[in-house]
Protein backbone atom coordinates (compact mmCIF):
# COMPACT_ATOMS: atom_id res chain seq x y z
CA UNK A 1 -46.68 -18.84 65.04
CA UNK A 2 -50.20 -20.58 65.59
CA UNK A 3 -50.19 -24.12 64.19
CA UNK A 4 -53.02 -26.79 63.97
CA UNK A 5 -52.40 -30.50 63.51
CA UNK A 6 -55.23 -32.75 62.70
CA UNK A 7 -54.82 -36.37 62.52
CA UNK A 8 -57.00 -39.09 64.17
CA UNK A 9 -53.71 -41.25 65.08
CA UNK A 10 -52.73 -39.90 68.45
CA UNK A 11 -49.04 -41.30 67.98
CA UNK A 12 -48.33 -40.05 64.75
CA UNK A 13 -49.95 -36.74 65.70
CA UNK A 14 -47.54 -36.49 68.67
CA UNK A 15 -44.57 -37.26 66.62
CA UNK A 16 -45.48 -34.60 64.05
CA UNK A 17 -46.05 -32.13 66.95
CA UNK A 18 -42.43 -32.92 68.27
CA UNK A 19 -40.75 -32.52 65.07
CA UNK A 20 -42.49 -29.20 64.31
CA UNK A 21 -41.71 -27.83 67.92
CA UNK A 22 -38.21 -28.80 67.41
CA UNK A 23 -37.71 -26.30 64.49
CA UNK A 24 -40.43 -24.07 65.95
CA UNK A 25 -40.08 -23.98 69.74
CA UNK A 26 -42.36 -20.95 70.24
CA UNK A 27 -45.06 -22.26 68.11
CA UNK A 28 -48.77 -22.53 69.62
CA UNK A 29 -49.95 -25.98 68.49
CA UNK A 30 -53.50 -26.96 68.60
CA UNK A 31 -54.32 -30.85 68.07
CA UNK A 32 -57.38 -32.20 66.62
CA UNK A 33 -58.60 -35.81 65.88
CA UNK A 34 -61.86 -35.38 63.80
CA UNK A 35 -62.97 -33.36 60.91
CA UNK A 36 -65.72 -31.25 62.82
CA UNK A 37 -63.60 -30.31 65.64
CA UNK A 38 -60.76 -29.49 63.18
CA UNK A 39 -63.05 -26.91 61.27
CA UNK A 40 -64.39 -25.31 64.35
CA UNK A 41 -61.00 -24.82 65.74
CA UNK A 42 -59.76 -23.42 62.55
CA UNK A 43 -62.80 -21.00 62.55
CA UNK A 44 -62.18 -19.73 66.18
CA UNK A 45 -58.36 -19.89 66.30
CA UNK A 46 -57.42 -19.13 62.68
CA UNK A 47 -53.97 -20.74 62.86
CA UNK A 48 -51.35 -19.65 60.43
CA UNK A 49 -51.01 -22.89 59.40
CA UNK A 50 -53.21 -26.05 59.46
CA UNK A 51 -51.59 -29.52 58.83
CA UNK A 52 -54.74 -31.67 57.91
CA UNK A 53 -54.73 -35.46 57.51
CA UNK A 54 -56.86 -36.23 54.22
CA UNK A 55 -58.56 -39.05 55.93
CA UNK A 56 -60.39 -38.10 59.26
CA UNK A 57 -63.78 -38.93 60.91
CA UNK A 58 -66.73 -36.78 60.06
CA UNK A 59 -65.08 -34.67 57.40
CA UNK A 60 -61.90 -35.21 55.49
CA UNK A 61 -59.02 -32.83 54.90
CA UNK A 62 -60.08 -31.88 51.58
CA UNK A 63 -63.54 -30.95 52.65
CA UNK A 64 -62.24 -28.76 55.53
CA UNK A 65 -59.98 -27.08 53.15
CA UNK A 66 -62.71 -26.26 50.59
CA UNK A 67 -64.66 -24.70 53.45
CA UNK A 68 -61.64 -22.75 54.81
CA UNK A 69 -60.98 -21.20 51.24
CA UNK A 70 -64.66 -20.48 50.67
CA UNK A 71 -65.12 -18.83 53.92
CA UNK A 72 -61.95 -16.72 53.17
CA UNK A 73 -60.19 -17.82 56.17
CA UNK A 74 -56.57 -16.77 55.97
CA UNK A 75 -55.08 -20.01 57.15
CA UNK A 76 -52.59 -21.72 54.97
CA UNK A 77 -53.41 -25.45 54.59
CA UNK A 78 -51.03 -28.36 54.42
CA UNK A 79 -52.49 -31.85 53.24
CA UNK A 80 -50.85 -34.85 54.82
CA UNK A 81 -51.65 -38.17 52.96
CA UNK A 82 -50.67 -41.39 52.02
CA UNK A 83 -52.01 -40.92 48.55
CA UNK A 84 -49.56 -40.29 45.76
CA UNK A 85 -51.95 -40.25 42.95
CA UNK A 86 -51.86 -37.07 40.65
CA UNK A 87 -55.66 -36.81 40.76
CA UNK A 88 -55.81 -36.43 44.54
CA UNK A 89 -53.05 -34.09 44.58
CA UNK A 90 -54.61 -31.85 41.97
CA UNK A 91 -57.85 -32.06 44.10
CA UNK A 92 -55.79 -30.71 47.11
CA UNK A 93 -54.42 -27.50 45.34
CA UNK A 94 -57.74 -26.97 43.64
CA UNK A 95 -59.50 -26.82 47.02
CA UNK A 96 -57.03 -24.29 48.10
CA UNK A 97 -54.17 -26.22 49.81
CA UNK A 98 -50.73 -24.47 49.80
CA UNK A 99 -48.78 -27.69 50.51
CA UNK A 100 -48.85 -31.41 49.95
CA UNK A 101 -46.85 -33.99 51.90
CA UNK A 102 -46.80 -37.76 51.71
CA UNK A 103 -46.80 -39.29 55.17
CA UNK A 104 -43.91 -41.34 54.14
CA UNK A 105 -41.70 -38.37 53.96
CA UNK A 106 -43.31 -36.01 56.54
CA UNK A 107 -40.45 -36.28 58.97
CA UNK A 108 -38.13 -34.98 56.35
CA UNK A 109 -40.44 -32.48 54.52
CA UNK A 110 -42.92 -30.98 57.05
CA UNK A 111 -40.62 -28.28 58.29
CA UNK A 112 -39.65 -27.12 54.93
CA UNK A 113 -43.28 -27.11 53.88
CA UNK A 114 -44.26 -24.99 56.70
CA UNK A 115 -41.45 -22.48 55.87
CA UNK A 116 -42.45 -22.25 52.29
CA UNK A 117 -46.20 -21.84 52.80
CA UNK A 118 -45.65 -19.15 55.48
CA UNK A 119 -43.75 -17.34 52.68
CA UNK A 120 -46.76 -17.47 50.53
CA UNK A 121 -45.23 -20.30 48.05
CA UNK A 122 -46.57 -23.54 47.14
CA UNK A 123 -44.88 -26.71 48.39
CA UNK A 124 -45.00 -30.28 47.15
CA UNK A 125 -42.98 -33.24 48.45
CA UNK A 126 -40.07 -34.49 46.16
CA UNK A 127 -41.93 -37.71 45.38
CA UNK A 128 -44.70 -35.60 43.56
CA UNK A 129 -42.61 -33.10 41.92
CA UNK A 130 -43.38 -34.22 38.41
CA UNK A 131 -47.23 -34.02 39.18
CA UNK A 132 -46.69 -30.60 40.72
CA UNK A 133 -44.94 -29.31 37.58
CA UNK A 134 -47.85 -30.45 35.35
CA UNK A 135 -50.21 -28.73 37.69
CA UNK A 136 -48.23 -25.46 37.55
CA UNK A 137 -48.38 -25.67 33.82
CA UNK A 138 -52.10 -26.11 33.93
CA UNK A 139 -52.43 -23.18 36.40
CA UNK A 140 -50.42 -20.89 33.94
CA UNK A 141 -52.46 -22.05 31.00
CA UNK A 142 -55.59 -21.22 33.07
CA UNK A 143 -54.30 -17.64 34.03
CA UNK A 144 -53.60 -16.96 30.39
CA UNK A 145 -57.19 -18.06 29.44
CA UNK A 146 -58.60 -16.05 31.75
CA UNK A 147 -56.50 -12.91 30.64
CA UNK A 148 -57.71 -13.66 27.15
CA UNK A 149 -61.49 -13.82 28.23
CA UNK A 150 -61.06 -10.45 29.98
CA UNK A 151 -60.66 -9.02 26.62
CA UNK A 152 -64.00 -9.96 25.28
CA UNK A 153 -66.95 -7.76 25.16
CA UNK A 154 -70.32 -8.57 27.08
CA UNK A 155 -71.83 -9.54 23.82
CA UNK A 156 -68.93 -11.94 22.84
CA UNK A 157 -68.83 -13.46 26.28
CA UNK A 158 -72.63 -14.32 26.00
CA UNK A 159 -71.89 -15.55 22.49
CA UNK A 160 -69.12 -17.77 23.82
CA UNK A 161 -71.23 -19.24 26.53
CA UNK A 162 -73.85 -19.91 24.24
CA UNK A 163 -71.61 -21.60 22.02
CA UNK A 164 -70.26 -23.91 24.85
CA UNK A 165 -73.94 -24.99 25.29
CA UNK A 166 -73.98 -26.18 21.71
CA UNK A 167 -76.25 -23.55 20.46
CA UNK A 168 -76.04 -22.79 16.65
CA UNK A 169 -75.33 -19.30 15.32
CA UNK A 170 -79.09 -19.16 14.34
CA UNK A 171 -80.23 -20.08 17.88
CA UNK A 172 -77.80 -17.54 19.29
CA UNK A 173 -79.11 -14.79 17.16
CA UNK A 174 -82.50 -15.42 18.34
CA UNK A 175 -81.56 -15.39 22.05
CA UNK A 176 -79.46 -12.28 21.60
CA UNK A 177 -81.83 -10.45 19.40
CA UNK A 178 -79.22 -9.89 16.58
CA UNK A 179 -78.71 -11.09 13.09
CA UNK A 180 -76.94 -14.50 12.22
CA UNK A 181 -74.29 -12.49 10.59
CA UNK A 182 -73.61 -10.44 13.74
CA UNK A 183 -73.28 -13.52 15.65
CA UNK A 184 -70.71 -14.78 13.08
CA UNK A 185 -68.80 -11.55 13.47
CA UNK A 186 -68.75 -11.90 17.06
CA UNK A 187 -67.53 -15.65 16.58
CA UNK A 188 -64.80 -14.23 14.27
CA UNK A 189 -63.69 -11.60 16.83
CA UNK A 190 -63.69 -14.28 19.78
CA UNK A 191 -61.45 -16.60 17.66
CA UNK A 192 -59.07 -13.77 17.14
CA UNK A 193 -59.09 -12.62 20.77
CA UNK A 194 -58.44 -16.10 22.00
CA UNK A 195 -55.73 -16.68 19.44
CA UNK A 196 -57.61 -19.43 17.43
CA UNK A 197 -58.11 -20.19 14.03
CA UNK A 198 -61.64 -19.05 12.78
CA UNK A 199 -61.28 -21.27 9.59
CA UNK A 200 -61.94 -24.60 11.42
CA UNK A 201 -63.70 -26.01 14.23
CA UNK A 202 -60.97 -24.66 16.84
CA UNK A 203 -63.71 -22.56 18.71
CA UNK A 204 -66.04 -25.73 19.26
CA UNK A 205 -62.76 -27.76 20.37
CA UNK A 206 -61.75 -24.57 22.82
CA UNK A 207 -64.97 -24.63 24.35
CA UNK A 208 -65.13 -28.47 25.00
CA UNK A 209 -61.83 -28.23 26.74
CA UNK A 210 -62.60 -25.07 28.95
CA UNK A 211 -66.26 -25.84 29.63
CA UNK A 212 -65.71 -25.87 33.28
CA UNK A 213 -64.05 -22.51 33.28
CA UNK A 214 -66.77 -21.01 31.11
CA UNK A 215 -69.46 -22.19 33.54
CA UNK A 216 -67.92 -19.88 36.30
CA UNK A 217 -68.35 -16.79 34.13
CA UNK A 218 -71.22 -14.43 35.51
CA UNK A 219 -73.93 -13.92 33.33
CA UNK A 220 -74.44 -10.22 32.45
């Protein structure tokens, strides 16, 4: 197994390396102390797991994780940090991280974290379990929404995106070269497929809550 440990504190880095080698004596470990060197090392070595400190010179752990994810590098990323805030934790998983360990608990949790992410699972330290549960619930909700969106026709998707841009039915009809009645029919079918009540403003509320997701839908 190939591992990479990136932290700009040499004493902490050595301690973490010793802990890892105690459980994985045959592991090949690469050490890095800055963001740029870390990213280049991951690109060239493509370790199985990269343990990244969130605060490093030149480029932080989240930025590195985002680049790894966007470049389809198969390395599993574990974020190591002092931050316990839910916002930071959410950012880590949204950028593609597989594990999130608070430094205070790293001695106890890092080995279990490596084992879990190697199995393709997500890992979060005990101190952040409640935040992780919220993240998983949000992730499941997002998956359900994506499944529902996949049932829409191209015309309905276009209509939905235009609704999310605060376009009126009249404006949408002009942009799509159809009648206002046709647009209203589209909206009615969209509500039905998204399991919304067409009799009130539920569609407008839905698009306001899911505007970011809708922006990722490609245009036809």
